[in-house]
Amino acid sequence: MSQEKRARLREKATRLFLEKGYDRVTIDDVIQEAGGSKTTLYTYFGGKEGLFAEIIEHQCRMIREAVTIPSEGVSPREALRQLGRNFLHSLILPDLLGLHRLVIHEAERFPDLAKHYFEAGPELIYQAVAKHVSAAQEAGLMKPLPPRQAAGMFLHMLAGQVHLALILGVRPPPEEEEIDRLVDDAVDIFLNGSSLSGKI
């Protein structure tokens, strides 16, 4: 299968899953929208669950690329600011919000997919941020704290302000001014309050 054909199947399937939900989408629906044959789709994805896993991996890869920034020439504080802004911008993407809702809805029936989503997305983002936390600690901006734990605290401090409300559809996405304020406040609290966190 060409990369173009694979991307088309993934794109059409993503739209269908987000619009109709996992249960109400069939392989025939995807073929009708994207073209091709059942044999081709099963050969490359192994079925609907494999196709859904491909969609999850693609979305998670986009997020990882968005939150990864070069560490050379960037101060630890500015790295956290950039990471925070990139993280919030990716978090409010409509497709990602829809996928997040869908994964939560299907997590009990498809625990392997939920596990894959967590490991391919949030966990790798935590690890990426943990590297910058280590740099901040080495620069003397933070007291010692396990970097992975600190990364989780930083990201949850950001996401907790808007993510649940967006998932529930009870607020609009934040504008740039609000994103900048949320990130700057989170970075200041995270770094200046690290002495308290260091006692945990």
N, C-alpha and C. Protein backbone atom coordinates (compact mmCIF):
# COMPACT_ATOMS: atom_id res chain seq x y z
N MET A 1 0.85 -1.20 0.00
CA MET A 1 0.00 0.00 0.00
C MET A 1 0.88 1.24 0.00
N SER A 2 0.59 2.19 -0.87
CA SER A 2 1.36 3.42 -0.91
C SER A 2 1.09 4.22 0.36
N GLN A 3 2.05 5.10 0.69
CA GLN A 3 1.86 5.95 1.87
C GLN A 3 0.65 6.85 1.70
N GLU A 4 0.40 7.30 0.45
CA GLU A 4 -0.76 8.15 0.19
C GLU A 4 -2.06 7.41 0.46
N LYS A 5 -2.13 6.15 0.02
CA LYS A 5 -3.33 5.36 0.23
C LYS A 5 -3.54 5.07 1.72
N ARG A 6 -2.44 4.75 2.40
CA ARG A 6 -2.53 4.48 3.84
C ARG A 6 -3.03 5.71 4.59
N ALA A 7 -2.47 6.87 4.22
CA ALA A 7 -2.88 8.11 4.87
C ALA A 7 -4.34 8.42 4.59
N ARG A 8 -4.81 8.12 3.37
CA ARG A 8 -6.21 8.38 3.02
C ARG A 8 -7.14 7.49 3.84
N LEU A 9 -6.81 6.22 3.96
CA LEU A 9 -7.62 5.32 4.78
C LEU A 9 -7.66 5.79 6.23
N ARG A 10 -6.50 6.18 6.74
CA ARG A 10 -6.44 6.66 8.12
C ARG A 10 -7.26 7.93 8.31
N GLU A 11 -7.14 8.85 7.37
CA GLU A 11 -7.87 10.12 7.47
C GLU A 11 -9.38 9.89 7.42
N LYS A 12 -9.84 9.08 6.46
CA LYS A 12 -11.27 8.83 6.34
C LYS A 12 -11.80 8.07 7.55
N ALA A 13 -11.03 7.10 8.03
CA ALA A 13 -11.46 6.33 9.20
C ALA A 13 -11.53 7.23 10.44
N THR A 14 -10.56 8.13 10.57
CA THR A 14 -10.56 9.06 11.71
C THR A 14 -11.84 9.88 11.73
N ARG A 15 -12.21 10.43 10.57
CA ARG A 15 -13.43 11.22 10.47
C ARG A 15 -14.65 10.39 10.87
N LEU A 16 -14.70 9.15 10.39
CA LEU A 16 -15.86 8.30 10.68
C LEU A 16 -15.94 7.95 12.16
N PHE A 17 -14.80 7.57 12.75
CA PHE A 17 -14.79 7.21 14.17
C PHE A 17 -15.21 8.40 15.03
N LEU A 18 -14.70 9.59 14.71
CA LEU A 18 -15.02 10.77 15.52
C LEU A 18 -16.46 11.21 15.34
N GLU A 19 -17.02 11.00 14.14
CA GLU A 19 -18.39 11.41 13.88
C GLU A 19 -19.42 10.41 14.39
N LYS A 20 -19.12 9.11 14.28
CA LYS A 20 -20.12 8.07 14.56
C LYS A 20 -19.81 7.24 15.80
N GLY A 21 -18.57 7.27 16.27
CA GLY A 21 -18.18 6.40 17.36
C GLY A 21 -17.63 5.08 16.84
N TYR A 22 -16.87 4.40 17.67
CA TYR A 22 -16.20 3.17 17.24
C TYR A 22 -17.19 2.09 16.82
N ASP A 23 -18.21 1.87 17.63
CA ASP A 23 -19.16 0.78 17.38
C ASP A 23 -19.90 0.92 16.06
N ARG A 24 -20.25 2.12 15.70
CA ARG A 24 -21.12 2.36 14.56
C ARG A 24 -20.38 2.47 13.23
N VAL A 25 -19.07 2.30 13.25
CA VAL A 25 -18.28 2.32 12.02
C VAL A 25 -17.91 0.90 11.63
N THR A 26 -18.12 0.56 10.38
CA THR A 26 -17.75 -0.75 9.87
C THR A 26 -16.62 -0.61 8.86
N ILE A 27 -15.97 -1.73 8.56
CA ILE A 27 -14.94 -1.74 7.53
C ILE A 27 -15.53 -1.31 6.20
N ASP A 28 -16.76 -1.73 5.93
CA ASP A 28 -17.43 -1.32 4.69
C ASP A 28 -17.57 0.20 4.62
N ASP A 29 -17.87 0.83 5.75
CA ASP A 29 -17.98 2.29 5.78
C ASP A 29 -16.66 2.94 5.36
N VAL A 30 -15.56 2.42 5.90
CA VAL A 30 -14.25 2.99 5.59
C VAL A 30 -13.92 2.81 4.11
N ILE A 31 -14.17 1.61 3.59
CA ILE A 31 -13.89 1.33 2.18
C ILE A 31 -14.74 2.22 1.28
N GLN A 32 -15.97 2.42 1.66
CA GLN A 32 -16.85 3.27 0.87
C GLN A 32 -16.33 4.70 0.81
N GLU A 33 -15.81 5.18 1.93
CA GLU A 33 -15.31 6.55 1.99
C GLU A 33 -13.94 6.70 1.33
N ALA A 34 -13.05 5.72 1.55
CA ALA A 34 -11.66 5.87 1.12
C ALA A 34 -11.33 5.11 -0.16
N GLY A 35 -12.18 4.17 -0.55
CA GLY A 35 -11.86 3.34 -1.71
C GLY A 35 -11.00 2.15 -1.31
N GLY A 36 -10.62 1.34 -2.29
CA GLY A 36 -9.81 0.16 -2.00
C GLY A 36 -10.68 -1.06 -1.78
N SER A 37 -10.12 -2.04 -1.07
CA SER A 37 -10.83 -3.29 -0.84
C SER A 37 -10.65 -3.75 0.60
N LYS A 38 -11.56 -4.65 1.04
CA LYS A 38 -11.44 -5.21 2.38
C LYS A 38 -10.12 -5.97 2.54
N THR A 39 -9.76 -6.70 1.48
CA THR A 39 -8.53 -7.49 1.55
C THR A 39 -7.32 -6.61 1.82
N THR A 40 -7.25 -5.48 1.13
CA THR A 40 -6.13 -4.56 1.32
C THR A 40 -6.12 -4.01 2.75
N LEU A 41 -7.29 -3.60 3.23
CA LEU A 41 -7.36 -3.02 4.56
C LEU A 41 -6.98 -4.04 5.63
N TYR A 42 -7.49 -5.26 5.50
CA TYR A 42 -7.16 -6.30 6.49
C TYR A 42 -5.68 -6.68 6.41
N THR A 43 -5.12 -6.67 5.21
CA THR A 43 -3.71 -7.03 5.04
C THR A 43 -2.81 -6.06 5.79
N TYR A 44 -3.11 -4.77 5.72
CA TYR A 44 -2.22 -3.76 6.29
C TYR A 44 -2.57 -3.36 7.72
N PHE A 45 -3.83 -3.48 8.10
CA PHE A 45 -4.23 -3.05 9.44
C PHE A 45 -4.72 -4.20 10.31
N GLY A 46 -5.08 -5.32 9.71
CA GLY A 46 -5.56 -6.46 10.48
C GLY A 46 -7.00 -6.34 10.92
N GLY A 47 -7.70 -5.32 10.48
CA GLY A 47 -9.10 -5.15 10.86
C GLY A 47 -9.36 -3.80 11.47
N LYS A 48 -10.57 -3.64 12.01
CA LYS A 48 -10.97 -2.33 12.53
C LYS A 48 -10.15 -1.93 13.75
N GLU A 49 -9.87 -2.86 14.64
CA GLU A 49 -9.10 -2.53 15.83
C GLU A 49 -7.68 -2.09 15.46
N GLY A 50 -7.08 -2.78 14.48
CA GLY A 50 -5.75 -2.39 14.04
C GLY A 50 -5.75 -1.02 13.38
N LEU A 51 -6.79 -0.72 12.65
CA LEU A 51 -6.92 0.60 12.02
C LEU A 51 -7.06 1.68 13.09
N PHE A 52 -7.84 1.40 14.12
CA PHE A 52 -8.00 2.36 15.21
C PHE A 52 -6.67 2.58 15.93
N ALA A 53 -5.89 1.49 16.11
CA ALA A 53 -4.57 1.62 16.73
C ALA A 53 -3.65 2.48 15.89
N GLU A 54 -3.75 2.36 14.58
CA GLU A 54 -2.95 3.19 13.67
C GLU A 54 -3.32 4.67 13.83
N ILE A 55 -4.60 4.94 13.96
CA ILE A 55 -5.05 6.31 14.15
C ILE A 55 -4.51 6.88 15.46
N ILE A 56 -4.57 6.09 16.52
CA ILE A 56 -4.05 6.51 17.81
C ILE A 56 -2.56 6.84 17.70
N GLU A 57 -1.81 5.94 17.08
CA GLU A 57 -0.36 6.16 16.95
C GLU A 57 -0.06 7.42 16.15
N HIS A 58 -0.81 7.65 15.09
CA HIS A 58 -0.58 8.84 14.25
C HIS A 58 -0.85 10.11 15.05
N GLN A 59 -1.96 10.16 15.77
CA GLN A 59 -2.29 11.35 16.56
C GLN A 59 -1.26 11.58 17.66
N CYS A 60 -0.85 10.50 18.32
CA CYS A 60 0.14 10.62 19.40
C CYS A 60 1.48 11.10 18.85
N ARG A 61 1.84 10.62 17.67
CA ARG A 61 3.11 11.05 17.06
C ARG A 61 3.08 12.54 16.77
N MET A 62 1.95 13.05 16.32
CA MET A 62 1.83 14.48 16.04
C MET A 62 2.00 15.30 17.33
N ILE A 63 1.45 14.79 18.42
CA ILE A 63 1.58 15.50 19.70
C ILE A 63 3.03 15.49 20.17
N ARG A 64 3.67 14.31 20.08
CA ARG A 64 5.06 14.21 20.52
C ARG A 64 5.95 15.18 19.74
N GLU A 65 5.73 15.26 18.44
CA GLU A 65 6.52 16.17 17.61
C GLU A 65 6.25 17.63 18.00
N ALA A 66 5.01 17.92 18.38
CA ALA A 66 4.65 19.29 18.74
C ALA A 66 5.31 19.74 20.03
N VAL A 67 5.44 18.83 21.01
CA VAL A 67 5.95 19.25 22.32
C VAL A 67 7.45 19.07 22.44
N THR A 68 8.09 18.47 21.45
CA THR A 68 9.54 18.31 21.51
C THR A 68 10.21 19.56 20.97
N ILE A 69 11.10 20.13 21.75
CA ILE A 69 11.83 21.32 21.32
C ILE A 69 13.32 21.07 21.47
N PRO A 70 14.16 21.73 20.67
CA PRO A 70 15.61 21.56 20.82
C PRO A 70 16.08 22.15 22.14
N SER A 71 16.96 21.44 22.82
CA SER A 71 17.44 21.91 24.12
C SER A 71 18.64 22.84 23.99
N GLU A 72 19.36 22.78 22.86
CA GLU A 72 20.53 23.62 22.69
C GLU A 72 20.13 25.08 22.50
N GLY A 73 20.78 25.94 23.26
CA GLY A 73 20.53 27.37 23.12
C GLY A 73 19.25 27.85 23.77
N VAL A 74 18.56 26.98 24.52
CA VAL A 74 17.31 27.36 25.19
C VAL A 74 17.48 27.17 26.69
N SER A 75 17.21 28.21 27.46
CA SER A 75 17.34 28.09 28.91
C SER A 75 16.28 27.13 29.44
N PRO A 76 16.54 26.48 30.58
CA PRO A 76 15.55 25.55 31.14
C PRO A 76 14.18 26.20 31.37
N ARG A 77 14.17 27.46 31.83
CA ARG A 77 12.90 28.14 32.07
C ARG A 77 12.16 28.36 30.75
N GLU A 78 12.89 28.83 29.73
CA GLU A 78 12.25 29.07 28.44
C GLU A 78 11.83 27.75 27.79
N ALA A 79 12.59 26.70 28.01
CA ALA A 79 12.21 25.38 27.47
C ALA A 79 10.87 24.95 28.05
N LEU A 80 10.68 25.14 29.35
CA LEU A 80 9.41 24.79 29.98
C LEU A 80 8.28 25.65 29.43
N ARG A 81 8.55 26.93 29.19
CA ARG A 81 7.53 27.81 28.62
C ARG A 81 7.11 27.32 27.23
N GLN A 82 8.11 27.01 26.39
CA GLN A 82 7.80 26.55 25.05
C GLN A 82 7.06 25.21 25.08
N LEU A 83 7.52 24.31 25.95
CA LEU A 83 6.84 23.03 26.08
C LEU A 83 5.40 23.22 26.52
N GLY A 84 5.21 24.11 27.47
CA GLY A 84 3.85 24.36 27.97
C GLY A 84 2.93 24.89 26.90
N ARG A 85 3.41 25.85 26.13
CA ARG A 85 2.58 26.42 25.06
C ARG A 85 2.27 25.37 23.99
N ASN A 86 3.31 24.63 23.58
CA ASN A 86 3.09 23.59 22.56
C ASN A 86 2.13 22.52 23.06
N PHE A 87 2.27 22.17 24.34
CA PHE A 87 1.41 21.15 24.93
C PHE A 87 -0.05 21.59 24.94
N LEU A 88 -0.30 22.83 25.37
CA LEU A 88 -1.68 23.31 25.41
C LEU A 88 -2.26 23.47 24.01
N HIS A 89 -1.44 23.93 23.07
CA HIS A 89 -1.94 24.05 21.70
C HIS A 89 -2.34 22.69 21.13
N SER A 90 -1.55 21.66 21.41
CA SER A 90 -1.89 20.33 20.91
C SER A 90 -3.09 19.75 21.65
N LEU A 91 -3.21 20.10 22.92
CA LEU A 91 -4.27 19.54 23.75
C LEU A 91 -5.66 19.99 23.31
N ILE A 92 -5.75 21.17 22.69
CA ILE A 92 -7.06 21.72 22.34
C ILE A 92 -7.45 21.43 20.89
N LEU A 93 -6.65 20.65 20.17
CA LEU A 93 -7.01 20.30 18.80
C LEU A 93 -8.30 19.47 18.79
N PRO A 94 -9.27 19.83 17.96
CA PRO A 94 -10.56 19.12 17.95
C PRO A 94 -10.43 17.62 17.75
N ASP A 95 -9.57 17.18 16.83
CA ASP A 95 -9.42 15.74 16.59
C ASP A 95 -8.88 15.03 17.83
N LEU A 96 -7.93 15.67 18.51
CA LEU A 96 -7.35 15.04 19.69
C LEU A 96 -8.38 14.95 20.82
N LEU A 97 -9.17 15.99 20.99
CA LEU A 97 -10.22 15.96 22.00
C LEU A 97 -11.21 14.85 21.70
N GLY A 98 -11.60 14.73 20.43
CA GLY A 98 -12.53 13.68 20.04
C GLY A 98 -11.95 12.30 20.25
N LEU A 99 -10.67 12.13 19.90
CA LEU A 99 -10.02 10.83 20.09
C LEU A 99 -9.92 10.49 21.57
N HIS A 100 -9.61 11.49 22.38
CA HIS A 100 -9.52 11.27 23.82
C HIS A 100 -10.86 10.78 24.38
N ARG A 101 -11.94 11.43 23.97
CA ARG A 101 -13.27 10.98 24.40
C ARG A 101 -13.53 9.55 23.96
N LEU A 102 -13.16 9.25 22.73
CA LEU A 102 -13.43 7.93 22.16
C LEU A 102 -12.63 6.84 22.88
N VAL A 103 -11.36 7.11 23.16
CA VAL A 103 -10.53 6.13 23.86
C VAL A 103 -11.07 5.87 25.26
N ILE A 104 -11.46 6.93 25.96
CA ILE A 104 -12.03 6.75 27.30
C ILE A 104 -13.30 5.91 27.23
N HIS A 105 -14.14 6.19 26.25
CA HIS A 105 -15.40 5.46 26.08
C HIS A 105 -15.16 3.98 25.82
N GLU A 106 -14.10 3.65 25.07
CA GLU A 106 -13.84 2.27 24.68
C GLU A 106 -12.81 1.57 25.55
N ALA A 107 -12.27 2.26 26.56
CA ALA A 107 -11.15 1.72 27.33
C ALA A 107 -11.48 0.41 28.03
N GLU A 108 -12.69 0.31 28.55
CA GLU A 108 -13.04 -0.92 29.29
C GLU A 108 -13.14 -2.12 28.36
N ARG A 109 -13.68 -1.93 27.17
CA ARG A 109 -13.83 -3.03 26.23
C ARG A 109 -12.54 -3.34 25.49
N PHE A 110 -11.70 -2.31 25.29
CA PHE A 110 -10.46 -2.50 24.55
C PHE A 110 -9.28 -1.97 25.36
N PRO A 111 -8.94 -2.65 26.46
CA PRO A 111 -7.87 -2.16 27.34
C PRO A 111 -6.51 -2.06 26.64
N ASP A 112 -6.26 -2.94 25.66
CA ASP A 112 -4.97 -2.87 24.96
C ASP A 112 -4.85 -1.58 24.16
N LEU A 113 -5.96 -1.13 23.55
CA LEU A 113 -5.93 0.13 22.83
C LEU A 113 -5.71 1.30 23.78
N ALA A 114 -6.37 1.26 24.93
CA ALA A 114 -6.20 2.32 25.91
C ALA A 114 -4.74 2.36 26.40
N LYS A 115 -4.17 1.18 26.63
CA LYS A 115 -2.77 1.10 27.07
C LYS A 115 -1.84 1.65 25.99
N HIS A 116 -2.13 1.30 24.74
CA HIS A 116 -1.31 1.78 23.63
C HIS A 116 -1.40 3.30 23.53
N TYR A 117 -2.58 3.84 23.69
CA TYR A 117 -2.78 5.29 23.64
C TYR A 117 -1.95 5.98 24.72
N PHE A 118 -1.99 5.44 25.92
CA PHE A 118 -1.26 6.06 27.02
C PHE A 118 0.25 5.98 26.79
N GLU A 119 0.72 4.81 26.36
CA GLU A 119 2.16 4.63 26.19
C GLU A 119 2.71 5.39 24.99
N ALA A 120 1.90 5.51 23.92
CA ALA A 120 2.36 6.19 22.70
C ALA A 120 2.21 7.69 22.79
N GLY A 121 1.36 8.17 23.71
CA GLY A 121 1.11 9.60 23.81
C GLY A 121 1.57 10.18 25.14
N PRO A 122 0.70 10.17 26.15
CA PRO A 122 1.03 10.83 27.43
C PRO A 122 2.35 10.39 28.04
N GLU A 123 2.63 9.09 28.07
CA GLU A 123 3.85 8.62 28.74
C GLU A 123 5.10 9.15 28.05
N LEU A 124 5.13 9.14 26.73
CA LEU A 124 6.30 9.65 26.02
C LEU A 124 6.43 11.17 26.17
N ILE A 125 5.31 11.85 26.30
CA ILE A 125 5.36 13.30 26.54
C ILE A 125 5.92 13.57 27.94
N TYR A 126 5.49 12.78 28.93
CA TYR A 126 6.04 12.92 30.28
C TYR A 126 7.56 12.76 30.24
N GLN A 127 8.03 11.77 29.50
CA GLN A 127 9.46 11.50 29.44
C GLN A 127 10.21 12.65 28.76
N ALA A 128 9.60 13.22 27.71
CA ALA A 128 10.24 14.34 27.02
C ALA A 128 10.37 15.55 27.95
N VAL A 129 9.31 15.83 28.69
CA VAL A 129 9.34 16.95 29.62
C VAL A 129 10.31 16.68 30.77
N ALA A 130 10.41 15.41 31.17
CA ALA A 130 11.31 15.05 32.27
C ALA A 130 12.75 15.42 31.95
N LYS A 131 13.14 15.35 30.68
CA LYS A 131 14.50 15.73 30.29
C LYS A 131 14.74 17.21 30.57
N HIS A 132 13.75 18.04 30.30
CA HIS A 132 13.90 19.47 30.55
C HIS A 132 13.82 19.78 32.05
N VAL A 133 13.07 18.98 32.78
CA VAL A 133 13.05 19.12 34.23
C VAL A 133 14.43 18.84 34.80
N SER A 134 15.09 17.79 34.28
CA SER A 134 16.44 17.47 34.73
C SER A 134 17.39 18.63 34.47
N ALA A 135 17.22 19.27 33.29
CA ALA A 135 18.07 20.41 32.96
C ALA A 135 17.83 21.57 33.93
N ALA A 136 16.57 21.79 34.30
CA ALA A 136 16.24 22.85 35.25
C ALA A 136 16.84 22.55 36.61
N GLN A 137 16.85 21.29 37.00
CA GLN A 137 17.45 20.91 38.29
C GLN A 137 18.96 21.13 38.25
N GLU A 138 19.59 20.76 37.14
CA GLU A 138 21.03 20.93 37.01
C GLU A 138 21.41 22.41 37.00
N ALA A 139 20.50 23.26 36.51
CA ALA A 139 20.76 24.71 36.48
C ALA A 139 20.47 25.36 37.83
N GLY A 140 20.01 24.58 38.80
CA GLY A 140 19.72 25.11 40.12
C GLY A 140 18.38 25.80 40.25
N LEU A 141 17.49 25.61 39.26
CA LEU A 141 16.17 26.24 39.31
C LEU A 141 15.18 25.44 40.13
N MET A 142 15.49 24.19 40.35
CA MET A 142 14.58 23.32 41.10
C MET A 142 15.38 22.46 42.07
N LYS A 143 14.75 22.13 43.19
CA LYS A 143 15.34 21.16 44.09
C LYS A 143 15.10 19.75 43.55
N PRO A 144 15.91 18.80 43.99
CA PRO A 144 15.78 17.44 43.47
C PRO A 144 14.38 16.87 43.68
N LEU A 145 13.86 16.28 42.63
CA LEU A 145 12.58 15.59 42.64
C LEU A 145 12.63 14.66 41.44
N PRO A 146 12.12 13.44 41.56
CA PRO A 146 12.18 12.54 40.40
C PRO A 146 11.64 13.23 39.16
N PRO A 147 12.44 13.35 38.09
CA PRO A 147 12.03 14.12 36.91
C PRO A 147 10.71 13.68 36.30
N ARG A 148 10.47 12.38 36.25
CA ARG A 148 9.21 11.89 35.67
C ARG A 148 8.02 12.35 36.51
N GLN A 149 8.17 12.30 37.82
CA GLN A 149 7.09 12.76 38.71
C GLN A 149 6.88 14.25 38.54
N ALA A 150 7.97 15.01 38.49
CA ALA A 150 7.86 16.46 38.33
C ALA A 150 7.22 16.82 36.99
N ALA A 151 7.58 16.08 35.94
CA ALA A 151 7.00 16.34 34.62
C ALA A 151 5.49 16.14 34.65
N GLY A 152 5.05 15.09 35.32
CA GLY A 152 3.62 14.85 35.44
C GLY A 152 2.91 15.97 36.17
N MET A 153 3.55 16.47 37.23
CA MET A 153 2.95 17.57 37.99
C MET A 153 2.81 18.81 37.12
N PHE A 154 3.85 19.11 36.33
CA PHE A 154 3.83 20.29 35.47
C PHE A 154 2.73 20.19 34.41
N LEU A 155 2.67 19.05 33.72
CA LEU A 155 1.68 18.89 32.65
C LEU A 155 0.26 18.87 33.21
N HIS A 156 0.06 18.24 34.35
CA HIS A 156 -1.29 18.20 34.94
C HIS A 156 -1.70 19.59 35.44
N MET A 157 -0.73 20.37 35.88
CA MET A 157 -1.05 21.73 36.30
C MET A 157 -1.58 22.54 35.11
N LEU A 158 -1.01 22.29 33.92
CA LEU A 158 -1.47 22.96 32.72
C LEU A 158 -2.82 22.40 32.25
N ALA A 159 -2.88 21.09 32.09
CA ALA A 159 -4.08 20.47 31.54
C ALA A 159 -5.27 20.63 32.45
N GLY A 160 -5.03 20.65 33.76
CA GLY A 160 -6.14 20.74 34.71
C GLY A 160 -6.94 22.00 34.60
N GLN A 161 -6.35 23.04 34.01
CA GLN A 161 -7.05 24.31 33.88
C GLN A 161 -8.13 24.28 32.81
N VAL A 162 -7.94 23.46 31.77
CA VAL A 162 -8.85 23.55 30.64
C VAL A 162 -9.32 22.21 30.08
N HIS A 163 -8.54 21.14 30.28
CA HIS A 163 -8.77 19.92 29.50
C HIS A 163 -10.11 19.28 29.79
N LEU A 164 -10.45 19.08 31.05
CA LEU A 164 -11.71 18.41 31.38
C LEU A 164 -12.89 19.23 30.86
N ALA A 165 -12.83 20.54 31.03
CA ALA A 165 -13.92 21.38 30.55
C ALA A 165 -14.08 21.27 29.03
N LEU A 166 -12.95 21.16 28.31
CA LEU A 166 -13.01 21.00 26.86
C LEU A 166 -13.55 19.62 26.49
N ILE A 167 -13.13 18.60 27.20
CA ILE A 167 -13.63 17.24 26.95
C ILE A 167 -15.14 17.20 27.12
N LEU A 168 -15.63 17.88 28.14
CA LEU A 168 -17.07 17.90 28.42
C LEU A 168 -17.82 18.90 27.54
N GLY A 169 -17.09 19.73 26.83
CA GLY A 169 -17.72 20.70 25.95
C GLY A 169 -18.40 21.85 26.68
N VAL A 170 -17.91 22.19 27.88
CA VAL A 170 -18.58 23.23 28.67
C VAL A 170 -17.86 24.57 28.60
N ARG A 171 -16.80 24.64 27.80
CA ARG A 171 -16.11 25.91 27.60
C ARG A 171 -15.46 25.90 26.22
N PRO A 172 -15.21 27.09 25.65
CA PRO A 172 -14.51 27.16 24.36
C PRO A 172 -13.01 26.99 24.57
N PRO A 173 -12.27 26.69 23.50
CA PRO A 173 -10.82 26.61 23.62
C PRO A 173 -10.23 27.94 24.07
N PRO A 174 -9.15 27.92 24.83
CA PRO A 174 -8.54 29.17 25.28
C PRO A 174 -7.91 29.94 24.13
N GLU A 175 -7.97 31.26 24.21
CA GLU A 175 -7.30 32.11 23.24
C GLU A 175 -5.82 32.21 23.59
N GLU A 176 -5.04 32.81 22.67
CA GLU A 176 -3.59 32.88 22.86
C GLU A 176 -3.23 33.59 24.16
N GLU A 177 -3.93 34.66 24.48
CA GLU A 177 -3.62 35.41 25.70
C GLU A 177 -3.80 34.54 26.94
N GLU A 178 -4.87 33.73 26.96
CA GLU A 178 -5.09 32.85 28.10
C GLU A 178 -4.05 31.75 28.16
N ILE A 179 -3.68 31.20 27.01
CA ILE A 179 -2.66 30.16 26.97
C ILE A 179 -1.35 30.69 27.53
N ASP A 180 -0.93 31.87 27.08
CA ASP A 180 0.31 32.46 27.58
C ASP A 180 0.26 32.67 29.09
N ARG A 181 -0.88 33.16 29.58
CA ARG A 181 -1.01 33.41 31.02
C ARG A 181 -0.96 32.11 31.81
N LEU A 182 -1.68 31.09 31.33
CA LEU A 182 -1.68 29.80 32.01
C LEU A 182 -0.28 29.20 32.07
N VAL A 183 0.42 29.28 30.95
CA VAL A 183 1.76 28.69 30.88
C VAL A 183 2.73 29.46 31.78
N ASP A 184 2.73 30.79 31.69
CA ASP A 184 3.65 31.57 32.50
C ASP A 184 3.38 31.37 33.99
N ASP A 185 2.12 31.33 34.38
CA ASP A 185 1.79 31.09 35.79
C ASP A 185 2.25 29.69 36.22
N ALA A 186 2.02 28.69 35.36
CA ALA A 186 2.41 27.32 35.71
C ALA A 186 3.92 27.20 35.85
N VAL A 187 4.67 27.82 34.94
CA VAL A 187 6.13 27.75 35.02
C VAL A 187 6.63 28.43 36.29
N ASP A 188 6.08 29.60 36.60
CA ASP A 188 6.51 30.32 37.81
C ASP A 188 6.20 29.52 39.07
N ILE A 189 4.99 28.99 39.15
CA ILE A 189 4.61 28.20 40.33
C ILE A 189 5.46 26.93 40.41
N PHE A 190 5.67 26.29 39.27
CA PHE A 190 6.42 25.04 39.22
C PHE A 190 7.86 25.24 39.69
N LEU A 191 8.51 26.29 39.20
CA LEU A 191 9.90 26.51 39.57
C LEU A 191 10.03 27.15 40.95
N ASN A 192 9.26 28.18 41.22
CA ASN A 192 9.39 28.87 42.49
C ASN A 192 8.85 28.07 43.67
N GLY A 193 7.93 27.16 43.39
CA GLY A 193 7.37 26.33 44.45
C GLY A 193 8.03 24.99 44.58
N SER A 194 9.13 24.78 43.87
CA SER A 194 9.76 23.45 43.86
C SER A 194 10.30 23.06 45.23
N SER A 195 10.60 24.06 46.09
CA SER A 195 11.10 23.73 47.43
C SER A 195 10.06 22.97 48.23
N LEU A 196 8.78 23.32 48.00
CA LEU A 196 7.71 22.60 48.69
C LEU A 196 7.58 21.18 48.13
N SER A 197 7.64 21.07 46.78
CA SER A 197 7.52 19.76 46.16
C SER A 197 8.68 18.87 46.56
N GLY A 198 9.85 19.46 46.82
CA GLY A 198 11.00 18.65 47.16
C GLY A 198 10.88 17.90 48.46
N LYS A 199 9.90 18.28 49.31
CA LYS A 199 9.71 17.59 50.59
C LYS A 199 8.89 16.33 50.45
N ILE A 200 8.26 16.14 49.27
CA ILE A 200 7.36 14.99 49.10
C ILE A 200 8.19 13.72 48.96
